[in-house]
Amino acid sequence: MAEPEDELAGTEQPFVAHLIELRDRLIKALIAVAVVGVVLAIYPGATRLYDFLAAPLIASLPEGSRLIATSPISPFLVPLKVLLLSAFLVALPVVLYQAWAFVAPGLYSHEKKLVLPLVVSSTVLFFLGVAFCYYFVFGRVFHFIQQFAPKSVTAAPDIEAYLSFVMTMFLAFGAAFEVPVVVVVLARMGVVSVEKMREWRGYFIVLAFVISAIITPPDVVSQLALAIPMCLLYEVGLWAARIFIRTTQAPPEDSSAAAEKG
């Protein structure tokens, strides 16, 4: 009696080859982050990076006020965390390229037209959200808060608490600026039509203000600074979704190949 054929026979080598390629891509991404980290450690240095990060807060404090460290190791660990975060952000294009190079060979041509613009646009939008938070929001929020501080209170924020606050705000604004990408993906995948999302515009505006009230500090400035861009970017996403759907449709030959593959 003939033995049944092993369905997995011959698949071990390709699977191992994919694992090796994934390992190589991860190593290249880590090397990129490490190289950028070494360069930033040499110039401008971890302490200067933290000083740059703290500049909006320092500018809003009374003259002579400084940040404090409540933990003995905070003056060393906090600038080091800022250095690692900065290295990752600077090397992010290389990291995303390695991810793209790993998955691209397995995609159809129309899928490449879909994924690559989304990766690039989501990266750019995230950086824009972080830059908007640092250069526009921080200065106004800190100045607004200091106006309500009692005269008998001397402001001396802790450096670790400030870093935690900054990272939370950066993530909030970076994620908020991804609204157009989310709208495009939902429309392109057919989850929700562009027309239906236009009808839900009012609900999204309410949701944007609710989210901003939960994430941001309890002041009007930061809440408006997060909610208004989200609403504007929602409109951008609706406009971009129509264009994106037209330009990333699968050609007939790719559609038939995908159906046969499925």
Protein backbone atom coordinates (compact mmCIF):
# COMPACT_ATOMS: atom_id res chain seq x y z
CA MET A 1 0.00 0.00 0.00
CA ALA A 2 1.48 3.32 -1.07
CA GLU A 3 2.10 5.84 1.68
CA PRO A 4 0.09 9.09 1.43
CA GLU A 5 2.03 11.99 0.03
CA ASP A 6 3.20 14.52 2.59
CA GLU A 7 1.51 17.84 1.74
CA LEU A 8 4.34 19.78 3.40
CA ALA A 9 7.11 17.99 1.52
CA GLY A 10 9.48 20.45 -0.14
CA THR A 11 8.23 23.49 1.78
CA GLU A 12 10.84 23.43 4.55
CA GLN A 13 13.58 25.15 2.61
CA PRO A 14 11.47 28.14 1.43
CA PHE A 15 10.17 28.60 4.97
CA VAL A 16 13.69 28.56 6.40
CA ALA A 17 14.82 30.93 3.66
CA HIS A 18 12.06 33.37 4.66
CA LEU A 19 13.12 33.18 8.29
CA ILE A 20 16.72 33.87 7.33
CA GLU A 21 15.65 36.85 5.23
CA LEU A 22 13.49 38.15 8.09
CA ARG A 23 16.45 37.83 10.46
CA ASP A 24 18.70 39.70 8.03
CA ARG A 25 16.13 42.49 7.63
CA LEU A 26 15.75 42.85 11.40
CA ILE A 27 19.52 42.96 11.84
CA LYS A 28 19.83 45.68 9.19
CA ALA A 29 17.08 47.70 10.89
CA LEU A 30 18.76 47.35 14.29
CA ILE A 31 22.11 48.32 12.79
CA ALA A 32 20.53 51.45 11.32
CA VAL A 33 19.08 52.42 14.72
CA ALA A 34 22.41 51.69 16.43
CA VAL A 35 24.41 53.74 13.91
CA VAL A 36 22.05 56.70 14.25
CA GLY A 37 22.20 56.33 18.03
CA VAL A 38 25.99 56.44 18.03
CA VAL A 39 25.99 59.52 15.78
CA LEU A 40 23.45 61.30 17.97
CA ALA A 41 25.42 60.34 21.09
CA ILE A 42 28.48 62.02 19.60
CA TYR A 43 26.59 65.05 18.35
CA PRO A 44 24.54 66.69 19.67
CA GLY A 45 24.60 64.26 22.61
CA ALA A 46 21.91 62.85 24.88
CA THR A 47 21.82 65.84 27.24
CA ARG A 48 21.42 68.35 24.41
CA LEU A 49 18.65 66.27 22.92
CA TYR A 50 16.79 66.39 26.22
CA ASP A 51 17.43 70.14 26.50
CA PHE A 52 15.91 70.53 23.04
CA LEU A 53 12.91 68.42 24.07
CA ALA A 54 12.45 70.47 27.25
CA ALA A 55 12.87 73.87 25.54
CA PRO A 56 9.11 74.61 25.15
CA LEU A 57 8.52 73.95 28.86
CA ILE A 58 11.57 75.92 30.01
CA ALA A 59 10.49 78.89 27.91
CA SER A 60 7.11 79.02 29.69
CA LEU A 61 8.47 78.72 33.25
CA PRO A 62 9.29 81.79 35.36
CA GLU A 63 12.80 83.11 34.94
CA GLY A 64 15.31 81.05 36.87
CA SER A 65 13.07 77.97 37.14
CA ARG A 66 14.51 74.62 36.14
CA LEU A 67 13.43 71.00 35.86
CA ILE A 68 14.31 68.63 38.70
CA ALA A 69 15.18 64.94 39.01
CA THR A 70 13.52 63.10 41.90
CA SER A 71 15.36 59.83 41.25
CA PRO A 72 19.14 59.45 41.64
CA ILE A 73 19.48 57.76 38.23
CA SER A 74 17.02 59.94 36.31
CA PRO A 75 19.70 62.42 35.10
CA PHE A 76 21.34 59.47 33.31
CA LEU A 77 18.39 57.30 32.26
CA VAL A 78 16.04 59.99 30.97
CA PRO A 79 18.49 61.53 28.45
CA LEU A 80 19.40 57.98 27.39
CA LYS A 81 15.73 57.21 26.71
CA VAL A 82 15.46 60.40 24.65
CA LEU A 83 18.56 59.36 22.69
CA LEU A 84 17.13 55.91 21.91
CA LEU A 85 13.76 57.37 20.94
CA SER A 86 15.42 59.94 18.67
CA ALA A 87 17.59 57.25 17.05
CA PHE A 88 14.54 55.12 16.31
CA LEU A 89 12.60 58.03 14.81
CA VAL A 90 15.52 59.15 12.63
CA ALA A 91 16.12 55.58 11.44
CA LEU A 92 12.41 54.87 10.95
CA PRO A 93 12.55 55.23 7.13
CA VAL A 94 15.24 52.53 7.01
CA VAL A 95 13.23 50.29 9.35
CA LEU A 96 10.11 50.67 7.23
CA TYR A 97 12.08 50.07 4.04
CA GLN A 98 13.35 46.77 5.43
CA ALA A 99 9.79 45.77 6.27
CA TRP A 100 8.67 46.76 2.78
CA ALA A 101 11.53 44.88 1.10
CA PHE A 102 10.54 41.74 3.02
CA VAL A 103 6.86 41.70 2.02
CA ALA A 104 7.07 43.29 -1.46
CA PRO A 105 8.13 40.14 -3.40
CA GLY A 106 4.92 38.39 -2.35
CA LEU A 107 2.61 41.17 -3.51
CA TYR A 108 0.88 41.70 -6.83
CA SER A 109 1.58 44.89 -8.75
CA HIS A 110 -1.72 46.49 -7.71
CA GLU A 111 -1.04 45.52 -4.08
CA LYS A 112 2.35 47.23 -4.26
CA LYS A 113 0.56 50.36 -5.46
CA LEU A 114 -1.62 50.07 -2.36
CA VAL A 115 0.96 49.29 0.34
CA LEU A 116 3.91 51.50 -0.55
CA PRO A 117 1.98 54.82 -0.63
CA LEU A 118 0.33 53.90 2.67
CA VAL A 119 3.67 53.17 4.34
CA VAL A 120 5.21 56.42 3.09
CA SER A 121 2.18 58.59 3.83
CA SER A 122 1.63 57.14 7.31
CA THR A 123 5.30 57.80 8.17
CA VAL A 124 5.18 61.38 6.89
CA LEU A 125 1.88 62.07 8.67
CA PHE A 126 3.20 60.70 11.95
CA PHE A 127 6.25 62.97 11.77
CA LEU A 128 4.01 65.92 10.90
CA GLY A 129 1.88 65.19 13.96
CA VAL A 130 4.93 65.06 16.22
CA ALA A 131 6.34 68.28 14.73
CA PHE A 132 2.97 70.04 15.06
CA CYS A 133 2.78 68.98 18.71
CA TYR A 134 6.30 70.17 19.52
CA TYR A 135 6.44 73.44 17.60
CA PHE A 136 2.83 74.62 17.88
CA VAL A 137 1.01 72.89 20.74
CA PHE A 138 3.59 72.65 23.55
CA GLY A 139 4.43 76.34 23.77
CA ARG A 140 0.81 77.42 23.88
CA VAL A 141 -0.29 74.69 26.30
CA PHE A 142 2.53 75.36 28.79
CA HIS A 143 2.01 79.11 28.61
CA PHE A 144 -1.74 78.67 29.12
CA ILE A 145 -1.18 76.42 32.17
CA GLN A 146 1.37 78.75 33.75
CA GLN A 147 -1.13 81.62 33.61
CA PHE A 148 -3.31 79.78 36.11
CA ALA A 149 -0.48 78.78 38.48
CA PRO A 150 -0.76 80.45 41.92
CA LYS A 151 1.92 83.01 42.70
CA SER A 152 2.86 81.06 45.81
CA VAL A 153 3.76 77.96 43.77
CA THR A 154 7.19 77.54 42.20
CA ALA A 155 7.01 75.31 39.15
CA ALA A 156 9.76 72.66 39.09
CA PRO A 157 8.60 69.73 36.90
CA ASP A 158 10.30 66.34 37.18
CA ILE A 159 12.30 65.36 34.10
CA GLU A 160 10.95 61.80 34.02
CA ALA A 161 7.35 62.94 34.36
CA TYR A 162 7.93 65.48 31.59
CA LEU A 163 9.34 62.79 29.28
CA SER A 164 6.30 60.59 29.95
CA PHE A 165 4.00 63.52 29.17
CA VAL A 166 5.88 64.33 25.95
CA MET A 167 5.81 60.75 24.70
CA THR A 168 2.07 60.51 25.40
CA MET A 169 1.42 63.73 23.50
CA PHE A 170 3.68 62.72 20.61
CA LEU A 171 1.87 59.40 20.26
CA ALA A 172 -1.52 61.11 20.50
CA PHE A 173 -0.78 63.69 17.81
CA GLY A 174 1.14 61.23 15.64
CA ALA A 175 -1.79 58.80 15.75
CA ALA A 176 -4.32 61.60 15.19
CA PHE A 177 -2.55 62.63 12.01
CA GLU A 178 -3.05 59.07 10.69
CA VAL A 179 -6.77 59.74 10.21
CA PRO A 180 -6.47 60.10 6.39
CA VAL A 181 -4.68 56.74 6.18
CA VAL A 182 -7.40 55.03 8.23
CA VAL A 183 -10.12 56.57 6.05
CA VAL A 184 -8.37 55.48 2.86
CA VAL A 185 -7.80 51.92 4.10
CA LEU A 186 -11.43 51.52 5.23
CA ALA A 187 -12.70 52.80 1.90
CA ARG A 188 -10.22 50.81 -0.20
CA MET A 189 -10.98 47.54 1.61
CA GLY A 190 -14.70 48.11 1.18
CA VAL A 191 -15.43 48.17 4.89
CA VAL A 192 -17.19 51.54 4.66
CA SER A 193 -17.96 53.51 1.52
CA VAL A 194 -16.77 57.08 1.04
CA GLU A 195 -20.40 58.23 0.76
CA LYS A 196 -21.27 56.62 4.09
CA MET A 197 -18.26 58.26 5.79
CA ARG A 198 -19.39 61.60 4.41
CA GLU A 199 -22.75 61.03 6.09
CA TRP A 200 -20.96 60.20 9.35
CA ARG A 201 -18.97 63.44 9.32
CA GLY A 202 -20.93 64.91 12.22
CA TYR A 203 -20.41 61.81 14.37
CA PHE A 204 -16.68 61.92 13.69
CA ILE A 205 -16.47 65.57 14.77
CA VAL A 206 -18.06 64.65 18.11
CA LEU A 207 -15.75 61.63 18.42
CA ALA A 208 -12.69 63.79 17.69
CA PHE A 209 -13.53 66.19 20.52
CA VAL A 210 -14.24 63.30 22.89
CA ILE A 211 -10.89 61.69 22.08
CA SER A 212 -9.03 64.98 22.48
CA ALA A 213 -10.70 65.58 25.84
CA ILE A 214 -9.60 62.13 27.07
CA ILE A 215 -6.02 62.12 25.74
CA THR A 216 -4.86 65.70 26.15
CA PRO A 217 -4.43 67.70 29.38
CA PRO A 218 -7.59 69.34 30.74
CA ASP A 219 -7.13 72.64 28.93
CA VAL A 220 -8.99 74.10 25.98
CA VAL A 221 -5.87 74.86 23.95
CA SER A 222 -4.55 71.31 23.64
CA GLN A 223 -8.03 69.86 23.11
CA LEU A 224 -8.75 72.22 20.23
CA ALA A 225 -5.24 71.70 18.84
CA LEU A 226 -5.91 67.97 18.57
CA ALA A 227 -9.59 67.91 17.60
CA ILE A 228 -9.50 70.53 14.83
CA PRO A 229 -6.65 68.89 12.85
CA MET A 230 -8.42 65.52 13.18
CA CYS A 231 -11.56 66.98 11.63
CA LEU A 232 -9.62 68.62 8.80
CA LEU A 233 -7.62 65.46 8.15
CA TYR A 234 -10.85 63.46 7.99
CA GLU A 235 -11.90 65.63 5.06
CA VAL A 236 -8.48 65.11 3.46
CA GLY A 237 -8.92 61.36 3.87
CA LEU A 238 -12.31 61.43 2.14
CA TRP A 239 -10.81 63.32 -0.79
CA ALA A 240 -7.77 61.04 -0.99
CA ALA A 241 -9.86 57.86 -0.74
CA ARG A 242 -11.63 58.53 -4.04
CA ILE A 243 -8.33 59.07 -5.86
CA PHE A 244 -6.68 56.11 -4.16
CA ILE A 245 -9.48 53.70 -5.03
CA ARG A 246 -9.30 54.65 -8.71
CA THR A 247 -5.52 54.29 -8.97
CA THR A 248 -5.08 51.00 -7.06
CA GLN A 249 -7.71 48.80 -8.67
CA ALA A 250 -6.40 45.40 -9.72
CA PRO A 251 -6.02 44.96 -13.49
CA PRO A 252 -7.99 42.05 -15.04
CA GLU A 253 -4.99 39.70 -15.24
CA ASP A 254 -4.06 40.32 -11.57
CA SER A 255 -7.68 39.80 -10.51
CA SER A 256 -7.89 36.43 -12.27
CA ALA A 257 -4.50 35.39 -10.86
CA ALA A 258 -5.56 36.34 -7.35
CA ALA A 259 -8.80 34.35 -7.76
CA GLU A 260 -6.88 31.28 -8.93
CA LYS A 261 -4.43 31.70 -6.04
CA GLY A 262 -7.31 31.84 -3.56
